[in-house]
Protein backbone atom coordinates (compact mmCIF):
# COMPACT_ATOMS: atom_id res chain seq x y z
CA MET A 1 -13.52 -8.70 7.65
CA ASN A 2 -10.88 -8.38 10.22
CA SER A 3 -8.80 -5.51 11.19
CA THR A 4 -5.77 -6.45 8.98
CA GLU A 5 -8.19 -6.70 5.93
CA LEU A 6 -9.80 -3.32 6.61
CA GLU A 7 -6.08 -1.85 7.03
CA GLY A 8 -5.21 -3.41 3.69
CA LYS A 9 -8.34 -1.64 2.08
CA TRP A 10 -7.35 1.55 3.56
CA ASN A 11 -3.74 1.41 2.31
CA GLN A 12 -5.15 0.74 -1.00
CA VAL A 13 -7.28 3.94 -1.02
CA LYS A 14 -4.37 5.82 0.36
CA GLY A 15 -1.98 4.54 -2.43
CA ASP A 16 -4.56 5.54 -4.89
CA PHE A 17 -4.58 9.18 -3.66
CA LYS A 18 -0.90 9.57 -3.45
CA GLN A 19 -0.69 8.28 -7.02
CA LYS A 20 -3.44 10.99 -8.07
CA TYR A 21 -1.58 13.61 -5.89
CA GLY A 22 1.76 12.69 -7.52
CA LYS A 23 0.64 12.79 -10.95
CA HIS A 24 -1.15 16.09 -10.61
CA PHE A 25 1.82 17.77 -9.00
CA ASP A 26 4.44 15.72 -10.97
CA ASN A 27 5.81 14.42 -8.00
CA ASP A 28 7.49 10.94 -8.84
CA ASP A 29 8.54 10.09 -5.40
CA THR A 30 4.94 10.64 -4.14
CA PHE A 31 3.43 8.34 -6.82
CA ALA A 32 5.69 5.68 -6.22
CA ASP A 33 5.17 5.78 -2.46
CA GLY A 34 1.46 5.41 -3.38
CA LYS A 35 2.02 2.38 -5.65
CA MET A 36 3.82 0.77 -2.72
CA ASP A 37 0.98 1.63 -0.54
CA GLU A 38 -1.55 0.19 -2.81
CA VAL A 39 0.34 -3.17 -3.42
CA LEU A 40 0.89 -3.75 0.42
CA GLY A 41 -2.83 -3.04 0.78
CA ARG A 42 -3.88 -5.71 -1.70
CA ILE A 43 -1.47 -8.26 -0.13
CA GLN A 44 -2.56 -7.31 3.23
CA GLU A 45 -6.27 -7.99 2.22
CA LYS A 46 -5.37 -11.08 0.64
CA THR A 47 -3.20 -12.72 3.23
CA GLY A 48 -4.48 -11.02 6.40
CA LYS A 49 -0.58 -10.13 7.26
CA THR A 50 0.37 -6.93 8.60
CA LYS A 51 2.23 -4.31 6.52
CA GLU A 52 5.35 -4.79 8.64
CA ALA A 53 5.19 -8.50 8.00
CA ILE A 54 4.94 -8.08 4.24
CA LYS A 55 7.59 -5.59 4.20
CA GLU A 56 10.06 -7.99 6.35
CA GLU A 57 9.14 -10.76 3.72
CA ILE A 58 10.08 -8.61 0.73
CA GLU A 59 13.24 -7.60 2.25
CA LYS A 60 14.15 -11.24 2.67
CA TRP A 61 13.98 -11.97 -0.98
């Protein structure tokens, strides 16, 4: 596992935590931010790309 894949795993964990925190305190912004972190983390893990590179690709669409 390389560092990008590890960072992807971390983003998934961070996203999951933010989602739970957002639900618990009824904070939709935190929940949405957590979902985005989770998705970016999964893409990072599968592709090996950085979070910034993935965001740039998404913005181009």
